[in-house]
Amino acid sequence: MSIQAEGKFTLADVWRGARLASRRMLVSTTLIGLLLLAALLFLGIFSPKFLREQWLLIVLSVFWASYLWIFLLYSSYRTLKKSPNLQGTVRYQFDDSGYRLEALHTQAEVKWGAMVKWREGKYTFLFYSNPRIASVIPKRFFQSSADVDAVRNFLRTHVSRK
């Protein structure tokens, strides 16, 4: 049984993949920034003079909470614009042995045994052929939810989900 998926990458696809890959870091840096901001504002309740004197710390805590989000969005934009493999229509074909990728400037075949792990988000799959580098495959590229389920079953059968 062979499953086909194809489409053109958008900024949303790349950004969703980056967010899924960086989820732990996003949550931790955002929480640290928000906790610092909450602590500063709490101290400011008891001493309004404190807020006037420590405005730089407040700005830095807001920056800390939002920096990684902004960086990921910018990085996703640059990746989409600068990567020739994300231009034009990208086609995938999945079967029991692995998957094939065909894009404007590349063709590749990846066996399931070459994949280190995989992750699934609401809108995307991440396929890792390296522990730190993932390929984003948007679920919207699939023709039906049954195709998404079939690929998920291929992954569960052939690839560990570390």
C-alpha atoms as a PDB file:
ATOM      1  CA  MET A   1       0.000   0.000   0.000  1.00  0.00           C
ATOM      2  CA  SER A   2       1.378   3.391  -1.005  1.00  0.00           C
ATOM      3  CA  ILE A   3       0.282   6.766   0.377  1.00  0.00           C
ATOM      4  CA  GLN A   4       0.712   9.969  -1.631  1.00  0.00           C
ATOM      5  CA  ALA A   5       1.073  13.454  -0.169  1.00  0.00           C
ATOM      6  CA  GLU A   6       1.933  16.686  -1.934  1.00  0.00           C
ATOM      7  CA  GLY A   7       1.732  20.418  -1.546  1.00  0.00           C
ATOM      8  CA  LYS A   8       3.593  23.704  -1.377  1.00  0.00           C
ATOM      9  CA  PHE A   9       5.181  24.783   1.882  1.00  0.00           C
ATOM     10  CA  THR A  10       3.935  27.962   3.520  1.00  0.00           C
ATOM     11  CA  LEU A  11       5.366  30.015   6.350  1.00  0.00           C
ATOM     12  CA  ALA A  12       2.770  28.481   8.665  1.00  0.00           C
ATOM     13  CA  ASP A  13       4.001  24.963   7.811  1.00  0.00           C
ATOM     14  CA  VAL A  14       7.633  25.777   8.563  1.00  0.00           C
ATOM     15  CA  TRP A  15       6.776  27.748  11.719  1.00  0.00           C
ATOM     16  CA  ARG A  16       4.542  24.963  13.056  1.00  0.00           C
ATOM     17  CA  GLY A  17       7.373  22.489  12.529  1.00  0.00           C
ATOM     18  CA  ALA A  18       9.867  24.768  14.280  1.00  0.00           C
ATOM     19  CA  ARG A  19       7.497  25.266  17.212  1.00  0.00           C
ATOM     20  CA  LEU A  20       6.915  21.522  17.527  1.00  0.00           C
ATOM     21  CA  ALA A  21      10.658  20.815  17.427  1.00  0.00           C
ATOM     22  CA  SER A  22      11.384  23.558  20.002  1.00  0.00           C
ATOM     23  CA  ARG A  23       8.367  23.068  22.251  1.00  0.00           C
ATOM     24  CA  ARG A  24      10.278  22.406  25.500  1.00  0.00           C
ATOM     25  CA  MET A  25      12.580  25.363  25.055  1.00  0.00           C
ATOM     26  CA  LEU A  26       9.674  27.638  24.099  1.00  0.00           C
ATOM     27  CA  VAL A  27       7.712  26.686  27.201  1.00  0.00           C
ATOM     28  CA  SER A  28      10.656  27.028  29.572  1.00  0.00           C
ATOM     29  CA  THR A  29      11.918  30.393  28.302  1.00  0.00           C
ATOM     30  CA  THR A  30       8.416  31.837  28.154  1.00  0.00           C
ATOM     31  CA  LEU A  31       7.647  30.665  31.693  1.00  0.00           C
ATOM     32  CA  ILE A  32      10.911  32.074  33.057  1.00  0.00           C
ATOM     33  CA  GLY A  33      10.213  35.442  31.434  1.00  0.00           C
ATOM     34  CA  LEU A  34       6.618  35.522  32.656  1.00  0.00           C
ATOM     35  CA  LEU A  35       7.585  34.484  36.191  1.00  0.00           C
ATOM     36  CA  LEU A  36      10.221  37.205  36.301  1.00  0.00           C
ATOM     37  CA  LEU A  37       7.688  39.746  35.046  1.00  0.00           C
ATOM     38  CA  ALA A  38       5.116  38.596  37.626  1.00  0.00           C
ATOM     39  CA  ALA A  39       7.677  38.882  40.419  1.00  0.00           C
ATOM     40  CA  LEU A  40       8.670  42.385  39.342  1.00  0.00           C
ATOM     41  CA  LEU A  41       5.057  43.511  39.096  1.00  0.00           C
ATOM     42  CA  PHE A  42       4.302  41.950  42.488  1.00  0.00           C
ATOM     43  CA  LEU A  43       7.160  43.901  44.039  1.00  0.00           C
ATOM     44  CA  GLY A  44       5.870  47.015  42.281  1.00  0.00           C
ATOM     45  CA  ILE A  45       2.496  46.696  44.030  1.00  0.00           C
ATOM     46  CA  PHE A  46       4.170  47.340  47.362  1.00  0.00           C
ATOM     47  CA  SER A  47       6.537  49.979  46.079  1.00  0.00           C
ATOM     48  CA  PRO A  48       5.486  52.027  43.026  1.00  0.00           C
ATOM     49  CA  LYS A  49       8.923  53.649  43.172  1.00  0.00           C
ATOM     50  CA  PHE A  50      10.400  50.195  42.493  1.00  0.00           C
ATOM     51  CA  LEU A  51       8.626  49.993  39.114  1.00  0.00           C
ATOM     52  CA  ARG A  52       9.930  53.398  38.049  1.00  0.00           C
ATOM     53  CA  GLU A  53      13.473  52.442  39.014  1.00  0.00           C
ATOM     54  CA  GLN A  54      13.412  48.919  37.602  1.00  0.00           C
ATOM     55  CA  TRP A  55      11.702  49.492  34.250  1.00  0.00           C
ATOM     56  CA  LEU A  56      14.698  47.981  32.458  1.00  0.00           C
ATOM     57  CA  LEU A  57      14.197  44.670  34.284  1.00  0.00           C
ATOM     58  CA  ILE A  58      10.536  44.679  33.268  1.00  0.00           C
ATOM     59  CA  VAL A  59      11.438  45.276  29.617  1.00  0.00           C
ATOM     60  CA  LEU A  60      14.065  42.517  29.796  1.00  0.00           C
ATOM     61  CA  SER A  61      11.585  40.041  31.260  1.00  0.00           C
ATOM     62  CA  VAL A  62       9.091  40.766  28.457  1.00  0.00           C
ATOM     63  CA  PHE A  63      11.927  40.397  25.948  1.00  0.00           C
ATOM     64  CA  TRP A  64      12.980  37.094  27.543  1.00  0.00           C
ATOM     65  CA  ALA A  65       9.413  35.743  27.341  1.00  0.00           C
ATOM     66  CA  SER A  66       8.963  36.713  23.683  1.00  0.00           C
ATOM     67  CA  TYR A  67      12.429  36.492  22.100  1.00  0.00           C
ATOM     68  CA  LEU A  68      12.392  32.823  21.142  1.00  0.00           C
ATOM     69  CA  TRP A  69       8.932  33.127  19.559  1.00  0.00           C
ATOM     70  CA  ILE A  70      10.076  36.045  17.418  1.00  0.00           C
ATOM     71  CA  PHE A  71      13.361  34.319  16.578  1.00  0.00           C
ATOM     72  CA  LEU A  72      11.566  31.127  15.472  1.00  0.00           C
ATOM     73  CA  LEU A  73       9.174  33.082  13.278  1.00  0.00           C
ATOM     74  CA  TYR A  74      12.036  34.982  11.647  1.00  0.00           C
ATOM     75  CA  SER A  75      14.100  31.810  11.261  1.00  0.00           C
ATOM     76  CA  SER A  76      11.125  30.007   9.691  1.00  0.00           C
ATOM     77  CA  TYR A  77      10.647  32.856   7.234  1.00  0.00           C
ATOM     78  CA  ARG A  78      14.318  32.767   6.234  1.00  0.00           C
ATOM     79  CA  THR A  79      14.276  28.978   5.915  1.00  0.00           C
ATOM     80  CA  LEU A  80      11.260  29.102   3.624  1.00  0.00           C
ATOM     81  CA  LYS A  81      12.721  31.846   1.427  1.00  0.00           C
ATOM     82  CA  LYS A  82      16.314  30.566   1.287  1.00  0.00           C
ATOM     83  CA  SER A  83      15.792  26.794   0.994  1.00  0.00           C
ATOM     84  CA  PRO A  84      15.478  25.647  -2.628  1.00  0.00           C
ATOM     85  CA  ASN A  85      14.002  22.322  -1.481  1.00  0.00           C
ATOM     86  CA  LEU A  86      10.947  24.085  -0.059  1.00  0.00           C
ATOM     87  CA  GLN A  87      10.147  25.925  -3.285  1.00  0.00           C
ATOM     88  CA  GLY A  88       7.471  24.611  -5.590  1.00  0.00           C
ATOM     89  CA  THR A  89       5.419  21.475  -5.109  1.00  0.00           C
ATOM     90  CA  VAL A  90       6.882  18.811  -2.843  1.00  0.00           C
ATOM     91  CA  ARG A  91       5.676  15.225  -3.266  1.00  0.00           C
ATOM     92  CA  TYR A  92       5.965  12.375  -0.790  1.00  0.00           C
ATOM     93  CA  GLN A  93       5.231   8.701  -1.274  1.00  0.00           C
ATOM     94  CA  PHE A  94       5.046   6.480   1.816  1.00  0.00           C
ATOM     95  CA  ASP A  95       5.062   2.674   1.889  1.00  0.00           C
ATOM     96  CA  ASP A  96       6.253  -0.229   4.059  1.00  0.00           C
ATOM     97  CA  SER A  97       9.911   0.324   3.196  1.00  0.00           C
ATOM     98  CA  GLY A  98      10.084   4.090   3.844  1.00  0.00           C
ATOM     99  CA  TYR A  99       9.266   7.248   1.988  1.00  0.00           C
ATOM    100  CA  ARG A 100      10.322   9.035  -1.145  1.00  0.00           C
ATOM    101  CA  LEU A 101      10.546  12.778  -1.558  1.00  0.00           C
ATOM    102  CA  GLU A 102      10.511  14.665  -4.823  1.00  0.00           C
ATOM    103  CA  ALA A 103      10.859  18.425  -4.996  1.00  0.00           C
ATOM    104  CA  LEU A 104      11.935  20.951  -7.586  1.00  0.00           C
ATOM    105  CA  HIS A 105      15.645  20.538  -6.821  1.00  0.00           C
ATOM    106  CA  THR A 106      15.871  17.187  -5.062  1.00  0.00           C
ATOM    107  CA  GLN A 107      14.880  13.568  -4.942  1.00  0.00           C
ATOM    108  CA  ALA A 108      15.458  11.373  -1.930  1.00  0.00           C
ATOM    109  CA  GLU A 109      14.518   7.996  -0.577  1.00  0.00           C
ATOM    110  CA  VAL A 110      14.596   7.319   3.154  1.00  0.00           C
ATOM    111  CA  LYS A 111      14.155   3.846   4.614  1.00  0.00           C
ATOM    112  CA  TRP A 112      12.331   3.596   7.933  1.00  0.00           C
ATOM    113  CA  GLY A 113      15.468   2.075   9.470  1.00  0.00           C
ATOM    114  CA  ALA A 114      17.357   5.323   8.785  1.00  0.00           C
ATOM    115  CA  MET A 115      14.966   7.349  10.923  1.00  0.00           C
ATOM    116  CA  VAL A 116      16.023   7.993  14.513  1.00  0.00           C
ATOM    117  CA  LYS A 117      12.620   9.157  15.812  1.00  0.00           C
ATOM    118  CA  TRP A 118       9.457  10.976  14.869  1.00  0.00           C
ATOM    119  CA  ARG A 119       7.060  13.441  16.471  1.00  0.00           C
ATOM    120  CA  GLU A 120       3.530  14.408  15.664  1.00  0.00           C
ATOM    121  CA  GLY A 121       1.765  17.674  16.242  1.00  0.00           C
ATOM    122  CA  LYS A 122      -1.711  18.855  15.418  1.00  0.00           C
ATOM    123  CA  TYR A 123      -0.680  20.035  11.941  1.00  0.00           C
ATOM    124  CA  THR A 124       2.652  18.381  11.181  1.00  0.00           C
ATOM    125  CA  PHE A 125       4.880  15.362  11.428  1.00  0.00           C
ATOM    126  CA  LEU A 126       8.572  15.709  12.225  1.00  0.00           C
ATOM    127  CA  PHE A 127      10.818  12.987  10.803  1.00  0.00           C
ATOM    128  CA  TYR A 128      14.283  12.820  12.350  1.00  0.00           C
ATOM    129  CA  SER A 129      17.029  11.103  10.368  1.00  0.00           C
ATOM    130  CA  ASN A 130      19.432  12.827  12.777  1.00  0.00           C
ATOM    131  CA  PRO A 131      18.712  13.253  16.517  1.00  0.00           C
ATOM    132  CA  ARG A 132      18.726  17.061  16.212  1.00  0.00           C
ATOM    133  CA  ILE A 133      17.535  17.776  12.668  1.00  0.00           C
ATOM    134  CA  ALA A 134      13.959  17.169  11.563  1.00  0.00           C
ATOM    135  CA  SER A 135      12.089  17.219   8.291  1.00  0.00           C
ATOM    136  CA  VAL A 136       8.658  18.816   8.466  1.00  0.00           C
ATOM    137  CA  ILE A 137       5.775  17.093   6.687  1.00  0.00           C
ATOM    138  CA  PRO A 138       2.510  19.047   6.919  1.00  0.00           C
ATOM    139  CA  LYS A 139      -0.598  16.934   7.443  1.00  0.00           C
ATOM    140  CA  ARG A 140      -2.468  19.137   5.002  1.00  0.00           C
ATOM    141  CA  PHE A 141      -0.392  17.575   2.198  1.00  0.00           C
ATOM    142  CA  PHE A 142      -2.293  14.300   2.651  1.00  0.00           C
ATOM    143  CA  GLN A 143      -5.471  13.651   0.695  1.00  0.00           C
ATOM    144  CA  SER A 144      -7.467  12.347   3.670  1.00  0.00           C
ATOM    145  CA  SER A 145      -7.270  11.665   7.377  1.00  0.00           C
ATOM    146  CA  ALA A 146      -7.121   7.958   6.523  1.00  0.00           C
ATOM    147  CA  ASP A 147      -3.809   8.633   4.751  1.00  0.00           C
ATOM    148  CA  VAL A 148      -2.495  10.424   7.860  1.00  0.00           C
ATOM    149  CA  ASP A 149      -3.542   7.413   9.958  1.00  0.00           C
ATOM    150  CA  ALA A 150      -1.816   5.025   7.553  1.00  0.00           C
ATOM    151  CA  VAL A 151       1.468   6.994   7.744  1.00  0.00           C
ATOM    152  CA  ARG A 152       1.168   7.115  11.535  1.00  0.00           C
ATOM    153  CA  ASN A 153       0.812   3.304  11.494  1.00  0.00           C
ATOM    154  CA  PHE A 154       3.920   2.979   9.288  1.00  0.00           C
ATOM    155  CA  LEU A 155       5.809   5.089  11.803  1.00  0.00           C
ATOM    156  CA  ARG A 156       4.544   3.151  14.834  1.00  0.00           C
ATOM    157  CA  THR A 157       5.450  -0.128  13.180  1.00  0.00           C
ATOM    158  CA  HIS A 158       8.892   0.761  11.841  1.00  0.00           C
ATOM    159  CA  VAL A 159      10.311   3.693  13.861  1.00  0.00           C
ATOM    160  CA  SER A 160      10.755   4.184  17.595  1.00  0.00           C
ATOM    161  CA  ARG A 161       9.219   7.321  19.065  1.00  0.00           C
ATOM    162  CA  LYS A 162      11.904   8.330  21.557  1.00  0.00           C
END
